């Protein structure tokens, strides 16, 4: 079931374009941060501290860039052995190898990457200028894995791992654009055509 957006008829897909541009820019800053940190650039430290407002950045729940050593180029900052390490540093050591941390946690990496993927997939399901969104129950289902994984971890019943954090974040992230983009399309359409009925079709 689709639910109508309260912002009126859609016009051009400015909201979709704006959403994609914002996500590309945001992800670009996320993934350039460890390379700037490796290069010793002050911008790396500024970005790392800035992203602390978006994520807890705890070592044991984050991913790192490893430029050398036995680990994959992008891997867990610490061993995922079920132990929680309440440490936050931009350059964690794993097995004596320095990693340069991606400045948001593993779950947020999944969320933000798949928010972009969902945005790119949007025209496969709706017109790019659509102001309609799916049933709110679809969003509830998409949020459930994060809620379950995060809540059981919060209360100390278990310690998750980065694979589950990435997966639950990806499910949530892919769904979010289907509710955000229609709002962007509707708001920007109203701003560009105040008081006028738009002849553009929504679907």
Protein backbone atom coordinates (compact mmCIF):
# COMPACT_ATOMS: atom_id res chain seq x y z
CA UNK A 1 0.00 0.00 0.00
CA UNK A 2 1.24 3.48 -0.88
CA UNK A 3 0.56 6.51 1.28
CA UNK A 4 0.10 9.98 -0.19
CA UNK A 5 2.55 12.70 0.75
CA UNK A 6 0.85 15.77 2.29
CA UNK A 7 2.91 18.29 0.30
CA UNK A 8 0.79 18.32 -2.83
CA UNK A 9 1.49 17.27 -6.43
CA UNK A 10 5.01 16.57 -7.58
CA UNK A 11 6.98 18.54 -10.10
CA UNK A 12 10.50 17.85 -11.30
CA UNK A 13 12.58 15.34 -9.31
CA UNK A 14 14.67 18.00 -7.59
CA UNK A 15 14.29 16.21 -4.26
CA UNK A 16 15.69 12.99 -5.69
CA UNK A 17 18.66 14.79 -7.21
CA UNK A 18 19.31 16.68 -4.00
CA UNK A 19 19.14 13.47 -1.98
CA UNK A 20 21.64 11.69 -4.22
CA UNK A 21 24.03 14.65 -4.23
CA UNK A 22 23.90 14.92 -0.43
CA UNK A 23 24.53 11.19 0.07
CA UNK A 24 27.45 11.12 -2.37
CA UNK A 25 29.05 14.12 -0.64
CA UNK A 26 28.44 12.69 2.83
CA UNK A 27 29.86 9.27 1.95
CA UNK A 28 32.81 10.92 0.24
CA UNK A 29 33.73 12.71 3.46
CA UNK A 30 33.33 9.49 5.44
CA UNK A 31 35.64 7.44 3.25
CA UNK A 32 38.26 10.11 2.65
CA UNK A 33 38.78 10.60 6.40
CA UNK A 34 41.00 7.53 7.06
CA UNK A 35 43.21 8.43 4.10
CA UNK A 36 43.60 11.99 5.37
CA UNK A 37 44.35 10.60 8.83
CA UNK A 38 47.00 8.32 7.35
CA UNK A 39 48.56 11.28 5.54
CA UNK A 40 48.70 13.25 8.78
CA UNK A 41 46.44 15.97 7.41
CA UNK A 42 44.73 18.22 9.99
CA UNK A 43 41.55 17.80 7.94
CA UNK A 44 41.49 14.14 8.94
CA UNK A 45 41.31 14.99 12.63
CA UNK A 46 38.66 17.67 12.01
CA UNK A 47 36.48 15.24 10.05
CA UNK A 48 36.99 12.48 12.58
CA UNK A 49 35.86 14.72 15.44
CA UNK A 50 32.98 16.10 13.37
CA UNK A 51 31.62 12.62 12.65
CA UNK A 52 31.57 11.91 16.38
CA UNK A 53 28.22 13.76 16.32
CA UNK A 54 26.88 11.07 13.96
CA UNK A 55 28.36 7.95 15.55
CA UNK A 56 29.94 6.66 18.77
CA UNK A 57 33.14 5.59 16.89
CA UNK A 58 33.96 2.81 19.38
CA UNK A 59 36.91 0.72 18.20
CA UNK A 60 35.31 -2.70 18.68
CA UNK A 61 32.23 -1.69 16.70
CA UNK A 62 33.97 0.06 13.82
CA UNK A 63 35.82 -0.69 10.59
CA UNK A 64 39.34 0.41 9.74
CA UNK A 65 41.48 0.94 6.67
CA UNK A 66 44.66 -1.16 6.94
CA UNK A 67 47.23 0.05 4.38
CA UNK A 68 49.57 -2.86 5.18
CA UNK A 69 49.70 -6.12 7.09
CA UNK A 70 47.77 -9.41 7.04
CA UNK A 71 44.31 -7.86 7.29
CA UNK A 72 42.01 -6.92 4.42
CA UNK A 73 42.28 -3.28 3.33
CA UNK A 74 38.93 -2.65 5.06
CA UNK A 75 38.38 -4.79 8.14
CA UNK A 76 37.36 -4.86 11.78
CA UNK A 77 39.34 -2.42 13.91
CA UNK A 78 39.51 -5.04 16.67
CA UNK A 79 39.01 -8.80 16.70
CA UNK A 80 35.32 -9.68 16.82
CA UNK A 81 35.58 -12.10 19.72
CA UNK A 82 32.44 -11.10 21.60
CA UNK A 83 34.35 -8.67 23.83
CA UNK A 84 33.31 -5.04 24.08
CA UNK A 85 36.23 -2.59 24.08
CA UNK A 86 35.02 0.88 25.21
CA UNK A 87 37.88 2.67 23.45
CA UNK A 88 37.65 5.42 20.85
CA UNK A 89 40.76 6.32 18.84
CA UNK A 90 41.29 7.32 15.18
CA UNK A 91 44.17 4.84 14.79
CA UNK A 92 43.45 1.52 16.55
CA UNK A 93 46.05 -1.21 16.73
CA UNK A 94 45.07 -4.74 15.75
CA UNK A 95 47.72 -7.44 16.07
CA UNK A 96 50.32 -4.69 16.15
CA UNK A 97 49.12 -3.21 12.85
CA UNK A 98 47.83 0.35 12.73
CA UNK A 99 44.39 0.82 11.24
CA UNK A 100 42.87 4.14 10.25
CA UNK A 101 39.28 4.17 11.40
CA UNK A 102 36.32 4.92 9.18
CA UNK A 103 34.79 7.74 11.27
CA UNK A 104 31.35 6.16 11.70
CA UNK A 105 30.61 2.74 13.23
CA UNK A 106 30.07 -0.41 11.17
CA UNK A 107 26.28 -0.17 11.49
CA UNK A 108 26.34 3.43 10.25
CA UNK A 109 28.54 2.40 7.32
CA UNK A 110 25.83 -0.07 6.31
CA UNK A 111 23.10 2.51 6.82
CA UNK A 112 24.73 5.30 4.81
CA UNK A 113 26.01 3.11 1.97
CA UNK A 114 22.60 1.56 1.47
CA UNK A 115 20.84 4.88 1.81
CA UNK A 116 22.71 5.77 -1.37
CA UNK A 117 21.92 2.37 -2.91
CA UNK A 118 18.23 2.76 -2.07
CA UNK A 119 18.23 6.25 -3.55
CA UNK A 120 19.76 4.95 -6.78
CA UNK A 121 17.15 2.17 -6.87
CA UNK A 122 14.26 4.59 -6.25
CA UNK A 123 13.34 5.08 -9.97
CA UNK A 124 13.02 1.29 -10.36
CA UNK A 125 10.03 1.37 -8.00
CA UNK A 126 8.61 4.90 -8.33
CA UNK A 127 8.80 7.79 -10.75
CA UNK A 128 11.79 9.93 -9.85
CA UNK A 129 9.50 12.86 -8.99
CA UNK A 130 7.07 10.77 -6.91
CA UNK A 131 5.69 12.16 -3.66
CA UNK A 132 4.27 8.86 -2.49
CA UNK A 133 5.86 6.44 -0.08
CA UNK A 134 5.26 2.77 0.78
CA UNK A 135 3.30 1.50 3.75
CA UNK A 136 4.79 2.50 7.09
CA UNK A 137 4.84 -1.21 7.96
CA UNK A 138 7.64 -1.76 5.46
CA UNK A 139 9.72 0.81 7.32
CA UNK A 140 8.89 -0.87 10.64
CA UNK A 141 10.08 -4.22 9.30
CA UNK A 142 13.27 -2.64 7.95
CA UNK A 143 14.01 -1.05 11.33
CA UNK A 144 13.38 -4.26 13.28
CA UNK A 145 16.85 -5.87 12.76
CA UNK A 146 18.61 -2.73 14.05
CA UNK A 147 16.21 -2.50 16.99
CA UNK A 148 16.72 -6.13 17.96
CA UNK A 149 20.49 -6.19 17.47
CA UNK A 150 21.00 -2.82 19.14
CA UNK A 151 18.63 -3.37 22.07
CA UNK A 152 20.02 -6.79 23.04
CA UNK A 153 23.49 -5.27 22.92
CA UNK A 154 22.48 -2.18 24.90
CA UNK A 155 21.16 -4.26 27.78
CA UNK A 156 24.28 -6.41 27.83
CA UNK A 157 22.52 -9.63 26.84
CA UNK A 158 25.04 -10.22 24.04
CA UNK A 159 27.74 -8.50 22.04
CA UNK A 160 27.01 -8.28 18.33
CA UNK A 161 29.64 -8.32 15.59
CA UNK A 162 30.38 -6.03 12.70
CA UNK A 163 28.92 -8.40 10.10
CA UNK A 164 25.52 -8.24 11.82
CA UNK A 165 25.86 -4.50 12.34
CA UNK A 166 26.56 -3.99 8.64
CA UNK A 167 23.68 -6.24 7.60
CA UNK A 168 21.09 -4.72 9.93
CA UNK A 169 22.25 -1.22 8.99
CA UNK A 170 22.04 -2.07 5.28
CA UNK A 171 18.41 -3.26 5.58
CA UNK A 172 17.44 -0.08 7.41
CA UNK A 173 19.46 2.16 5.11
CA UNK A 174 17.97 0.76 1.91
CA UNK A 175 14.44 1.46 3.14
CA UNK A 176 14.95 5.03 4.37
CA UNK A 177 15.20 6.77 0.95
CA UNK A 178 11.71 5.53 0.05
CA UNK A 179 10.38 7.80 2.81
CA UNK A 180 12.90 10.65 2.61
CA UNK A 181 12.92 11.26 -1.17
CA UNK A 182 9.13 11.80 -1.45
CA UNK A 183 9.36 14.43 1.29
CA UNK A 184 12.22 16.16 -0.51
CA UNK A 185 10.34 16.04 -3.82
CA UNK A 186 7.17 17.41 -2.24
CA UNK A 187 8.85 20.19 -0.26
CA UNK A 188 11.00 21.40 -3.15
CA UNK A 189 8.06 21.23 -5.53
CA UNK A 190 6.05 23.49 -3.20
CA UNK A 191 8.96 25.89 -2.80
CA UNK A 192 9.42 26.22 -6.56
CA UNK A 193 5.70 26.58 -7.33
CA UNK A 194 4.06 28.43 -4.46
CA UNK A 195 0.29 28.52 -4.81
CA UNK A 196 0.28 26.77 -8.18
CA UNK A 197 -0.98 23.35 -9.08
CA UNK A 198 1.69 21.30 -10.73
CA UNK A 199 0.74 19.27 -13.75
CA UNK A 200 3.50 16.71 -13.13
CA UNK A 201 2.29 13.19 -12.47
CA UNK A 202 3.15 11.30 -9.32
CA UNK A 203 3.22 7.57 -9.05
